[in-house]
Amino acid sequence: MKPADFTEIAYTVEAGVASVTLDRPERRNAWSGTMALEYRWALHHAHVDPDVRVVVLSGAGQHFCIGADADALDSIAAAGGAYTKPVQDPPPWPDGTPDGLRHNHAFPLAISTPVIAALHGACAGAGVVVATYADLRFAAEGARIATSFARLGLPAEYGTGWMLPRIMGVANAAEFLYHGGTVTAEEGQRLGFVQRVLPDAELLSGTLEYACRLARESSGESLRVMKRQLFIDAAGSLEDAYRRSVEDMNAALAHPDLKEGLAAFRERRPPDFLR
């Protein structure tokens, strides 16, 4: 599936950054099966494109994502929980993805490219799930974040009960999940879900600026390896992670990025790995 075929996701690449936009503003970017499939394909293209170093995920219009499409949920409920899967197949899993990570919403963790979610307006329900599986979350002042699950009679969906304690700590994750009500961007930052809060008018430009700086000044190979270390190796044993980190170091010593890093250090300038 090519980006030109997308109907609910917009995808562009510039300066080493892939901008992935949830593009149903008339529905406040309500999450749908089509959007989920296209999101995975967008991440796949970012993963395989050597020109992409970082992904920025945002929502078109006034909101990031209000949650699952209510009309679709009504249809599923009326059908006793049955639903129709998209005809289009999802993209292949990246090579080396462990079986334990091969779940739909975990796809962002399996790719080699860091994903930064820019949250504005409402981020609720399924939108929180999507944001949870990003590497980092920046939010606009005034953004409203709500898990919503407990208020709908639902569990912590799609592995978020495992992910959120790793991001926020157990007690903060419990506070975030049990109540299910709205928290502000600032409260989300206090709890550890949000890493940065920016003025609403500067959220996307500020997030893109940060992503462009990462793409230019951080080695693409380092980002790729570190992402695997954080989300795959860290889920295993320290022994295996340590052994693999030694192998990574030996490989890095022979990688061309080291030359640019050392040259920049000697010349007292920021490195430029996009040269």
Protein backbone atom coordinates (compact mmCIF):
# COMPACT_ATOMS: atom_id res chain seq x y z
CA MET A 1 0.00 0.00 0.00
CA LYS A 2 1.53 3.31 -1.10
CA PRO A 3 1.05 6.71 0.60
CA ALA A 4 -0.76 7.91 -2.51
CA ASP A 5 -3.43 5.30 -1.76
CA PHE A 6 -4.09 6.55 1.78
CA THR A 7 -7.51 8.08 2.47
CA GLU A 8 -7.32 8.70 6.23
CA ILE A 9 -3.58 9.31 6.74
CA ALA A 10 -1.40 12.02 5.18
CA TYR A 11 2.29 11.19 4.68
CA THR A 12 5.17 13.47 3.66
CA VAL A 13 8.95 13.41 4.09
CA GLU A 14 11.29 16.38 4.48
CA ALA A 15 14.73 16.90 6.04
CA GLY A 16 14.92 13.36 7.37
CA VAL A 17 11.50 13.53 9.07
CA ALA A 18 8.34 11.68 8.01
CA SER A 19 5.20 13.61 8.95
CA VAL A 20 2.32 11.20 9.54
CA THR A 21 -1.01 12.94 10.05
CA LEU A 22 -4.30 11.41 11.19
CA ASP A 23 -6.48 12.97 8.51
CA ARG A 24 -10.16 12.76 9.43
CA PRO A 25 -10.66 16.26 10.85
CA GLU A 26 -14.40 16.19 10.12
CA ARG A 27 -14.63 13.21 12.54
CA ARG A 28 -12.09 14.72 14.97
CA ASN A 29 -9.69 12.01 13.75
CA ALA A 30 -11.78 9.20 15.23
CA TRP A 31 -9.79 5.97 14.96
CA SER A 32 -11.05 3.51 12.35
CA GLY A 33 -9.93 0.22 10.86
CA THR A 34 -8.82 2.00 7.71
CA MET A 35 -6.81 4.55 9.68
CA ALA A 36 -5.15 1.78 11.70
CA LEU A 37 -4.10 -0.07 8.55
CA GLU A 38 -2.82 3.05 6.82
CA TYR A 39 -0.91 4.08 9.94
CA ARG A 40 0.95 0.79 9.93
CA TRP A 41 1.76 1.19 6.24
CA ALA A 42 2.98 4.76 6.85
CA LEU A 43 5.32 3.52 9.58
CA HIS A 44 6.50 0.74 7.28
CA HIS A 45 7.46 3.29 4.61
CA ALA A 46 9.31 5.35 7.24
CA HIS A 47 11.10 2.21 8.41
CA VAL A 48 12.34 1.13 4.97
CA ASP A 49 13.14 4.62 3.60
CA PRO A 50 16.84 5.37 4.28
CA ASP A 51 16.08 9.11 4.06
CA VAL A 52 13.75 8.94 7.09
CA ARG A 53 15.34 9.16 10.54
CA VAL A 54 12.38 10.30 12.71
CA VAL A 55 8.56 10.17 12.50
CA VAL A 56 6.28 12.94 13.79
CA LEU A 57 2.68 11.83 14.34
CA SER A 58 -0.04 14.48 14.57
CA GLY A 59 -3.74 15.04 13.96
CA ALA A 60 -5.32 17.28 11.35
CA GLY A 61 -7.72 19.99 12.50
CA GLN A 62 -8.51 20.78 16.12
CA HIS A 63 -7.79 17.40 17.74
CA PHE A 64 -5.24 14.60 17.82
CA CYS A 65 -7.76 11.73 18.09
CA ILE A 66 -10.99 11.56 20.09
CA GLY A 67 -10.92 7.76 20.28
CA ALA A 68 -12.53 4.95 18.34
CA ASP A 69 -15.15 5.86 15.77
CA ALA A 70 -18.45 5.78 17.68
CA ASP A 71 -20.44 4.71 14.61
CA ALA A 72 -18.12 1.74 14.12
CA LEU A 73 -18.42 0.81 17.82
CA ASP A 74 -22.24 0.93 17.57
CA SER A 75 -22.13 -1.44 14.61
CA ILE A 76 -19.80 -3.83 16.43
CA ALA A 77 -21.99 -3.79 19.54
CA ALA A 78 -25.11 -4.42 17.44
CA ALA A 79 -23.35 -7.39 15.82
CA GLY A 80 -22.47 -8.90 19.19
CA GLY A 81 -18.79 -7.97 18.95
CA ALA A 82 -18.24 -9.07 15.36
CA TYR A 83 -16.49 -6.76 12.93
CA THR A 84 -15.18 -6.83 9.37
CA LYS A 85 -11.43 -6.76 8.92
CA PRO A 86 -9.91 -4.58 6.15
CA VAL A 87 -9.35 -6.36 2.84
CA GLN A 88 -5.85 -4.92 2.41
CA ASP A 89 -3.10 -6.87 4.16
CA PRO A 90 -0.92 -5.09 6.72
CA PRO A 91 2.76 -4.50 5.93
CA PRO A 92 5.39 -7.10 6.82
CA TRP A 93 6.99 -7.03 10.24
CA PRO A 94 10.53 -5.68 10.34
CA ASP A 95 13.19 -8.37 10.24
CA GLY A 96 14.01 -9.71 13.67
CA THR A 97 10.76 -8.60 15.33
CA PRO A 98 10.26 -11.00 18.27
CA ASP A 99 6.99 -12.92 18.44
CA GLY A 100 6.00 -11.14 21.65
CA LEU A 101 5.99 -7.79 19.83
CA ARG A 102 3.95 -8.90 16.82
CA HIS A 103 0.72 -7.21 17.82
CA ASN A 104 -1.09 -4.55 15.81
CA HIS A 105 -0.64 -1.53 18.09
CA ALA A 106 2.95 -2.50 18.93
CA PHE A 107 4.10 -2.00 15.33
CA PRO A 108 5.64 1.44 16.14
CA LEU A 109 7.96 -0.24 18.66
CA ALA A 110 9.20 -2.74 16.06
CA ILE A 111 10.31 -0.22 13.44
CA SER A 112 13.79 1.29 13.54
CA THR A 113 12.60 4.90 13.46
CA PRO A 114 11.71 6.92 16.60
CA VAL A 115 8.09 8.13 16.66
CA ILE A 116 7.15 11.41 18.35
CA ALA A 117 3.43 12.07 18.90
CA ALA A 118 2.27 15.71 18.92
CA LEU A 119 -0.96 15.84 20.98
CA HIS A 120 -3.39 18.74 20.73
CA GLY A 121 -7.06 19.25 21.42
CA ALA A 122 -8.55 15.94 22.54
CA CYS A 123 -6.55 12.73 22.89
CA ALA A 124 -8.82 10.03 24.27
CA GLY A 125 -9.39 6.28 24.25
CA ALA A 126 -7.85 4.81 21.13
CA GLY A 127 -5.92 8.05 20.69
CA VAL A 128 -4.20 7.41 24.03
CA VAL A 129 -3.37 3.86 22.90
CA VAL A 130 -1.75 5.20 19.73
CA ALA A 131 0.17 7.86 21.68
CA THR A 132 1.30 5.28 24.24
CA TYR A 133 3.14 3.30 21.57
CA ALA A 134 5.08 6.37 20.39
CA ASP A 135 8.61 6.86 21.71
CA LEU A 136 7.89 10.37 22.97
CA ARG A 137 4.81 12.54 23.47
CA PHE A 138 4.79 16.34 23.17
CA ALA A 139 1.52 18.12 24.01
CA ALA A 140 -0.01 21.52 23.45
CA GLU A 141 -1.05 23.72 26.33
CA GLY A 142 -4.75 23.11 26.77
CA ALA A 143 -4.66 19.60 25.32
CA ARG A 144 -7.02 17.16 27.06
CA ILE A 145 -5.94 13.56 27.58
CA ALA A 146 -8.30 10.81 28.79
CA THR A 147 -7.95 7.04 28.83
CA SER A 148 -11.79 6.75 29.08
CA PHE A 149 -11.65 2.96 29.45
CA ALA A 150 -12.95 2.67 33.01
CA ARG A 151 -15.84 5.03 32.25
CA LEU A 152 -16.91 2.84 29.36
CA GLY A 153 -16.61 -0.45 31.22
CA LEU A 154 -13.50 -1.46 29.30
CA PRO A 155 -10.09 -2.78 30.42
CA ALA A 156 -6.80 -1.06 29.66
CA GLU A 157 -6.77 -1.83 25.98
CA TYR A 158 -4.18 -3.37 23.69
CA GLY A 159 -1.30 -3.79 26.13
CA THR A 160 -1.47 -0.30 27.63
CA GLY A 161 -1.67 -1.87 31.09
CA TRP A 162 1.87 -3.18 30.43
CA MET A 163 3.18 -0.15 28.55
CA LEU A 164 2.01 2.69 30.80
CA PRO A 165 3.84 1.53 33.99
CA ARG A 166 7.06 1.39 31.93
CA ILE A 167 6.46 4.98 30.81
CA MET A 168 5.00 6.54 33.97
CA GLY A 169 5.64 4.19 36.87
CA VAL A 170 2.99 1.93 38.39
CA ALA A 171 1.34 4.43 40.74
CA ASN A 172 1.07 7.17 38.12
CA ALA A 173 -0.24 4.68 35.55
CA ALA A 174 -2.86 3.54 38.07
CA GLU A 175 -3.96 7.13 38.66
CA PHE A 176 -4.11 7.71 34.92
CA LEU A 177 -6.11 4.55 34.19
CA TYR A 178 -8.41 4.08 37.18
CA HIS A 179 -10.12 7.45 36.94
CA GLY A 180 -10.38 7.55 33.17
CA GLY A 181 -11.29 11.22 33.19
CA THR A 182 -9.56 14.09 31.48
CA VAL A 183 -6.13 15.33 32.52
CA THR A 184 -4.45 18.43 31.14
CA ALA A 185 -1.24 18.39 29.16
CA GLU A 186 0.53 19.79 32.22
CA GLU A 187 -0.88 17.06 34.47
CA GLY A 188 0.08 14.49 31.86
CA GLN A 189 3.62 15.81 32.03
CA ARG A 190 3.63 15.61 35.85
CA LEU A 191 2.51 11.99 35.64
CA GLY A 192 5.21 11.21 33.07
CA PHE A 193 3.00 10.48 30.05
CA VAL A 194 3.96 13.73 28.30
CA GLN A 195 7.61 14.73 27.89
CA ARG A 196 7.17 18.35 26.75
CA VAL A 197 4.37 20.93 26.83
CA LEU A 198 4.43 23.65 24.17
CA PRO A 199 2.13 26.56 23.31
CA ASP A 200 -0.68 25.31 21.10
CA ALA A 201 0.33 27.47 18.15
CA GLU A 202 3.90 26.15 18.37
CA LEU A 203 3.23 22.46 18.99
CA LEU A 204 3.68 21.10 15.47
CA SER A 205 6.48 23.47 14.47
CA GLY A 206 8.28 22.86 17.76
CA THR A 207 7.94 19.09 17.46
CA LEU A 208 9.14 19.14 13.86
CA GLU A 209 12.08 21.34 14.83
CA TYR A 210 13.05 18.85 17.54
CA ALA A 211 12.65 15.93 15.11
CA CYS A 212 14.71 17.66 12.41
CA ARG A 213 17.46 18.31 14.92
CA LEU A 214 17.45 14.63 15.90
CA ALA A 215 17.54 13.60 12.24
CA ARG A 216 20.51 15.88 11.55
CA GLU A 217 22.57 15.73 14.74
CA SER A 218 21.95 12.16 15.96
CA SER A 219 23.40 9.26 14.01
CA GLY A 220 20.69 7.39 12.14
CA GLU A 221 22.45 4.14 12.99
CA SER A 222 22.59 5.09 16.68
CA LEU A 223 18.87 5.91 16.68
CA ARG A 224 18.08 2.58 15.03
CA VAL A 225 20.12 0.55 17.51
CA MET A 226 19.00 2.52 20.57
CA LYS A 227 15.35 2.06 19.66
CA ARG A 228 15.87 -1.69 19.49
CA GLN A 229 17.72 -1.58 22.82
CA LEU A 230 14.94 0.39 24.53
CA PHE A 231 11.93 -1.55 23.30
CA ILE A 232 13.17 -5.03 22.39
CA ASP A 233 16.37 -5.75 24.30
CA ALA A 234 15.05 -4.14 27.51
CA ALA A 235 12.10 -6.56 27.51
CA GLY A 236 14.54 -9.47 27.84
CA SER A 237 17.33 -10.24 30.27
CA LEU A 238 20.18 -7.92 31.25
CA GLU A 239 22.63 -10.65 30.26
CA ASP A 240 21.34 -10.76 26.67
CA ALA A 241 21.02 -6.98 26.44
CA TYR A 242 24.57 -6.45 27.71
CA ARG A 243 26.04 -9.01 25.34
CA ARG A 244 24.22 -7.50 22.39
CA SER A 245 25.30 -3.97 23.35
CA VAL A 246 28.93 -5.09 23.11
CA GLU A 247 28.24 -6.41 19.61
CA ASP A 248 26.56 -3.09 18.78
CA MET A 249 29.60 -1.16 20.02
CA ASN A 250 31.97 -3.22 17.90
CA ALA A 251 29.79 -2.63 14.84
CA ALA A 252 29.58 1.10 15.57
CA LEU A 253 33.36 1.41 15.66
CA ALA A 254 33.42 0.40 11.99
CA HIS A 255 30.36 2.43 10.91
CA PRO A 256 30.83 5.61 8.81
CA ASP A 257 28.73 7.66 11.25
CA LEU A 258 31.56 7.49 13.78
CA LYS A 259 33.80 9.49 11.46
CA GLU A 260 31.30 12.36 11.29
CA GLY A 261 30.73 12.25 15.04
CA LEU A 262 34.46 12.43 15.78
CA ALA A 263 35.04 15.14 13.17
CA ALA A 264 32.27 17.28 14.65
CA PHE A 265 33.71 16.78 18.15
CA ARG A 266 37.19 17.84 17.04
CA GLU A 267 35.86 20.85 15.10
CA ARG A 268 33.55 21.86 17.96
CA ARG A 269 30.44 21.93 15.78
CA PRO A 270 27.14 20.05 15.78
CA PRO A 271 27.35 16.83 13.78
CA ASP A 272 25.45 16.61 10.50
CA PHE A 273 24.52 13.02 9.72
CA LEU A 274 22.32 14.06 6.78
CA ARG A 275 25.30 15.08 4.66
